[in-house]
Amino acid sequence: MKVLIRSAELTDNYSIVRLSNEWGYSISEDLSLARMHKLISCTNYKMYVAEDTISQQICGWIILEKRFFFGSGDYIEIMGLVVDENYRRNKIAQQLIKQSELWAADLGLDTIIVLSDIQREESHRFYQSSGFELKKTSNVYHKQVKP
């Protein structure tokens, strides 16, 4: 299977919503489009899609953010990665990871991190097989505040 990895476009929104829902994050097309506008307009973010070159269907996406932490400096964080369940085991996620490495290199950065929910064991195996090393486990605390 041959896929094209390219920058996401607003016209990809329907497919991005479909894959987001498959990933477990329900989102409306309007909200997705608003978020895509923000991603595309901000230089600290990149979103790439994997497009099946035969069907022209979007079969995966990755969202990256250039981040800064005082203790370690600049790095790239994978904010989300999903591949259509019908396309899994075809090295599409690896190609999306490779694209993240290329973007990091373009920015002169040598570190990519990803946070993965403790329940997503298949994701843990994937990231480890892709060269990521487990550095630590964390608790995530959440607090709602009034805007």
C-alpha atoms as a PDB file:
ATOM      1  CA  MET A   1       0.000   0.000   0.000  1.00  0.00           C
ATOM      2  CA  LYS A   2       1.316   3.406  -0.972  1.00  0.00           C
ATOM      3  CA  VAL A   3       0.398   6.521   0.960  1.00  0.00           C
ATOM      4  CA  LEU A   4       1.331  10.144   0.548  1.00  0.00           C
ATOM      5  CA  ILE A   5       2.283  12.014   3.720  1.00  0.00           C
ATOM      6  CA  ARG A   6       1.399  15.691   3.337  1.00  0.00           C
ATOM      7  CA  SER A   7       0.378  18.724   5.340  1.00  0.00           C
ATOM      8  CA  ALA A   8      -3.256  18.698   6.375  1.00  0.00           C
ATOM      9  CA  GLU A   9      -5.624  21.007   4.531  1.00  0.00           C
ATOM     10  CA  LEU A  10      -9.004  22.375   5.550  1.00  0.00           C
ATOM     11  CA  THR A  11     -10.602  20.183   2.887  1.00  0.00           C
ATOM     12  CA  ASP A  12      -9.443  17.131   4.893  1.00  0.00           C
ATOM     13  CA  ASN A  13     -11.754  18.082   7.762  1.00  0.00           C
ATOM     14  CA  TYR A  14     -14.415  15.386   7.208  1.00  0.00           C
ATOM     15  CA  SER A  15     -11.798  12.629   7.278  1.00  0.00           C
ATOM     16  CA  ILE A  16     -10.051  14.143  10.285  1.00  0.00           C
ATOM     17  CA  VAL A  17     -13.353  14.154  12.192  1.00  0.00           C
ATOM     18  CA  ARG A  18     -14.001  10.523  11.215  1.00  0.00           C
ATOM     19  CA  LEU A  19     -10.564   9.453  12.428  1.00  0.00           C
ATOM     20  CA  SER A  20     -10.848  11.547  15.608  1.00  0.00           C
ATOM     21  CA  ASN A  21     -14.072   9.751  16.465  1.00  0.00           C
ATOM     22  CA  GLU A  22     -12.365   6.407  15.810  1.00  0.00           C
ATOM     23  CA  TRP A  23      -9.547   7.528  18.124  1.00  0.00           C
ATOM     24  CA  GLY A  24     -12.120   8.016  20.892  1.00  0.00           C
ATOM     25  CA  TYR A  25     -12.507  11.799  20.771  1.00  0.00           C
ATOM     26  CA  SER A  26     -15.932  12.835  19.532  1.00  0.00           C
ATOM     27  CA  ILE A  27     -15.770  16.176  17.744  1.00  0.00           C
ATOM     28  CA  SER A  28     -18.142  18.051  15.447  1.00  0.00           C
ATOM     29  CA  GLU A  29     -17.108  19.118  11.963  1.00  0.00           C
ATOM     30  CA  ASP A  30     -17.484  22.798  12.912  1.00  0.00           C
ATOM     31  CA  LEU A  31     -15.293  22.494  15.990  1.00  0.00           C
ATOM     32  CA  SER A  32     -12.720  20.453  14.073  1.00  0.00           C
ATOM     33  CA  LEU A  33     -12.595  23.073  11.335  1.00  0.00           C
ATOM     34  CA  ALA A  34     -12.070  25.855  13.893  1.00  0.00           C
ATOM     35  CA  ARG A  35      -9.248  23.887  15.492  1.00  0.00           C
ATOM     36  CA  MET A  36      -7.685  23.149  12.119  1.00  0.00           C
ATOM     37  CA  HIS A  37      -7.664  26.881  11.318  1.00  0.00           C
ATOM     38  CA  LYS A  38      -5.753  27.431  14.558  1.00  0.00           C
ATOM     39  CA  LEU A  39      -3.290  24.606  13.812  1.00  0.00           C
ATOM     40  CA  ILE A  40      -2.617  25.763  10.277  1.00  0.00           C
ATOM     41  CA  SER A  41      -2.122  29.407  11.264  1.00  0.00           C
ATOM     42  CA  CYS A  42       0.329  28.735  14.116  1.00  0.00           C
ATOM     43  CA  THR A  43       3.963  27.971  13.283  1.00  0.00           C
ATOM     44  CA  ASN A  44       4.411  25.912  16.467  1.00  0.00           C
ATOM     45  CA  TYR A  45       1.998  23.272  15.168  1.00  0.00           C
ATOM     46  CA  LYS A  46       2.049  20.865  12.257  1.00  0.00           C
ATOM     47  CA  MET A  47      -0.604  18.428  11.179  1.00  0.00           C
ATOM     48  CA  TYR A  48       0.173  15.821   8.572  1.00  0.00           C
ATOM     49  CA  VAL A  49      -2.184  13.357   6.962  1.00  0.00           C
ATOM     50  CA  ALA A  50      -1.585  10.028   5.285  1.00  0.00           C
ATOM     51  CA  GLU A  51      -3.513   9.783   2.022  1.00  0.00           C
ATOM     52  CA  ASP A  52      -4.054   6.467   0.237  1.00  0.00           C
ATOM     53  CA  THR A  53      -2.739   7.202  -3.265  1.00  0.00           C
ATOM     54  CA  ILE A  54      -5.261   4.855  -4.908  1.00  0.00           C
ATOM     55  CA  SER A  55      -8.517   5.696  -3.090  1.00  0.00           C
ATOM     56  CA  GLN A  56      -7.348   9.203  -2.089  1.00  0.00           C
ATOM     57  CA  GLN A  57      -8.850   8.507   1.334  1.00  0.00           C
ATOM     58  CA  ILE A  58      -7.224  10.064   4.384  1.00  0.00           C
ATOM     59  CA  CYS A  59      -6.196   7.031   6.421  1.00  0.00           C
ATOM     60  CA  GLY A  60      -4.219   8.645   9.228  1.00  0.00           C
ATOM     61  CA  TRP A  61      -3.034  11.865  10.802  1.00  0.00           C
ATOM     62  CA  ILE A  62      -0.499  13.195  13.267  1.00  0.00           C
ATOM     63  CA  ILE A  63      -0.474  16.499  15.148  1.00  0.00           C
ATOM     64  CA  LEU A  64       2.856  17.890  16.317  1.00  0.00           C
ATOM     65  CA  GLU A  65       3.690  20.816  18.549  1.00  0.00           C
ATOM     66  CA  LYS A  66       7.013  22.560  18.998  1.00  0.00           C
ATOM     67  CA  ARG A  67       7.272  23.047  22.734  1.00  0.00           C
ATOM     68  CA  PHE A  68       9.655  24.546  25.241  1.00  0.00           C
ATOM     69  CA  PHE A  69      10.455  23.367  28.739  1.00  0.00           C
ATOM     70  CA  PHE A  70      12.851  25.354  30.884  1.00  0.00           C
ATOM     71  CA  GLY A  71      14.655  22.242  32.052  1.00  0.00           C
ATOM     72  CA  SER A  72      15.308  20.756  28.618  1.00  0.00           C
ATOM     73  CA  GLY A  73      14.735  23.418  25.972  1.00  0.00           C
ATOM     74  CA  ASP A  74      12.840  23.023  22.697  1.00  0.00           C
ATOM     75  CA  TYR A  75      11.415  19.717  21.524  1.00  0.00           C
ATOM     76  CA  ILE A  76       8.598  18.271  19.419  1.00  0.00           C
ATOM     77  CA  GLU A  77       5.632  16.617  21.091  1.00  0.00           C
ATOM     78  CA  ILE A  78       3.270  14.286  19.293  1.00  0.00           C
ATOM     79  CA  MET A  79      -0.122  15.587  20.365  1.00  0.00           C
ATOM     80  CA  GLY A  80      -2.116  12.954  18.518  1.00  0.00           C
ATOM     81  CA  LEU A  81      -1.619  10.085  16.094  1.00  0.00           C
ATOM     82  CA  VAL A  82      -4.330   7.924  14.601  1.00  0.00           C
ATOM     83  CA  VAL A  83      -4.535   5.478  11.712  1.00  0.00           C
ATOM     84  CA  ASP A  84      -7.805   4.139  10.309  1.00  0.00           C
ATOM     85  CA  GLU A  85      -8.397   0.644  11.715  1.00  0.00           C
ATOM     86  CA  ASN A  86      -8.727  -0.714   8.161  1.00  0.00           C
ATOM     87  CA  TYR A  87      -5.242   0.577   7.310  1.00  0.00           C
ATOM     88  CA  ARG A  88      -3.347  -0.496  10.412  1.00  0.00           C
ATOM     89  CA  ARG A  89      -0.328  -2.798  10.150  1.00  0.00           C
ATOM     90  CA  ASN A  90       0.709  -1.141   6.881  1.00  0.00           C
ATOM     91  CA  LYS A  91       3.509   1.027   8.342  1.00  0.00           C
ATOM     92  CA  ILE A  92       1.429   4.203   7.990  1.00  0.00           C
ATOM     93  CA  ALA A  93       2.007   5.287  11.587  1.00  0.00           C
ATOM     94  CA  GLN A  94       5.742   4.758  11.084  1.00  0.00           C
ATOM     95  CA  GLN A  95       5.631   7.037   8.036  1.00  0.00           C
ATOM     96  CA  LEU A  96       3.846   9.702  10.073  1.00  0.00           C
ATOM     97  CA  ILE A  97       6.486   9.347  12.801  1.00  0.00           C
ATOM     98  CA  LYS A  98       9.195   9.700  10.143  1.00  0.00           C
ATOM     99  CA  GLN A  99       7.551  12.955   9.011  1.00  0.00           C
ATOM    100  CA  SER A 100       7.698  14.215  12.599  1.00  0.00           C
ATOM    101  CA  GLU A 101      11.427  13.422  12.629  1.00  0.00           C
ATOM    102  CA  LEU A 102      11.892  15.395   9.413  1.00  0.00           C
ATOM    103  CA  TRP A 103      10.084  18.418  10.863  1.00  0.00           C
ATOM    104  CA  ALA A 104      12.183  18.221  14.032  1.00  0.00           C
ATOM    105  CA  ALA A 105      15.354  18.086  11.924  1.00  0.00           C
ATOM    106  CA  ASP A 106      14.185  21.080   9.858  1.00  0.00           C
ATOM    107  CA  LEU A 107      13.846  23.008  13.124  1.00  0.00           C
ATOM    108  CA  GLY A 108      17.232  21.839  14.381  1.00  0.00           C
ATOM    109  CA  LEU A 109      15.644  19.820  17.194  1.00  0.00           C
ATOM    110  CA  ASP A 110      16.774  16.397  18.320  1.00  0.00           C
ATOM    111  CA  THR A 111      14.003  15.307  20.676  1.00  0.00           C
ATOM    112  CA  ILE A 112      10.461  14.057  20.071  1.00  0.00           C
ATOM    113  CA  ILE A 113       8.260  12.990  22.950  1.00  0.00           C
ATOM    114  CA  VAL A 114       4.817  11.462  23.159  1.00  0.00           C
ATOM    115  CA  LEU A 115       2.480  10.977  26.095  1.00  0.00           C
ATOM    116  CA  SER A 116       0.352   7.849  25.978  1.00  0.00           C
ATOM    117  CA  ASP A 117      -2.545   6.895  28.236  1.00  0.00           C
ATOM    118  CA  ILE A 118      -1.593   4.003  30.487  1.00  0.00           C
ATOM    119  CA  GLN A 119      -4.552   1.992  29.133  1.00  0.00           C
ATOM    120  CA  ARG A 120      -3.343   2.136  25.502  1.00  0.00           C
ATOM    121  CA  GLU A 121      -0.964  -0.810  25.725  1.00  0.00           C
ATOM    122  CA  GLU A 122      -0.906  -1.355  21.964  1.00  0.00           C
ATOM    123  CA  SER A 123       0.283   2.241  21.557  1.00  0.00           C
ATOM    124  CA  HIS A 124       3.039   1.661  24.103  1.00  0.00           C
ATOM    125  CA  ARG A 125       4.346  -1.318  22.125  1.00  0.00           C
ATOM    126  CA  PHE A 126       4.174   0.692  18.899  1.00  0.00           C
ATOM    127  CA  TYR A 127       6.136   3.652  20.263  1.00  0.00           C
ATOM    128  CA  GLN A 128       8.776   1.416  21.826  1.00  0.00           C
ATOM    129  CA  SER A 129       9.171  -0.502  18.550  1.00  0.00           C
ATOM    130  CA  SER A 130       9.543   2.882  16.809  1.00  0.00           C
ATOM    131  CA  GLY A 131      12.562   3.815  18.917  1.00  0.00           C
ATOM    132  CA  PHE A 132      10.886   5.753  21.735  1.00  0.00           C
ATOM    133  CA  GLU A 133      12.128   4.997  25.250  1.00  0.00           C
ATOM    134  CA  LEU A 134       9.899   5.066  28.314  1.00  0.00           C
ATOM    135  CA  LYS A 135      11.237   7.894  30.479  1.00  0.00           C
ATOM    136  CA  LYS A 136       8.636   8.188  33.235  1.00  0.00           C
ATOM    137  CA  THR A 137       5.016   7.678  34.196  1.00  0.00           C
ATOM    138  CA  SER A 138       2.903  10.554  35.469  1.00  0.00           C
ATOM    139  CA  ASN A 139      -0.415  11.453  36.965  1.00  0.00           C
ATOM    140  CA  VAL A 140      -2.461  14.039  35.121  1.00  0.00           C
ATOM    141  CA  TYR A 141      -4.517  16.460  37.170  1.00  0.00           C
ATOM    142  CA  HIS A 142      -7.360  18.450  35.666  1.00  0.00           C
ATOM    143  CA  LYS A 143      -9.220  21.432  37.058  1.00  0.00           C
ATOM    144  CA  GLN A 144     -12.083  23.287  35.413  1.00  0.00           C
ATOM    145  CA  VAL A 145     -11.928  27.067  35.775  1.00  0.00           C
ATOM    146  CA  LYS A 146     -14.388  29.730  34.762  1.00  0.00           C
ATOM    147  CA  PRO A 147     -13.307  31.714  31.687  1.00  0.00           C
END
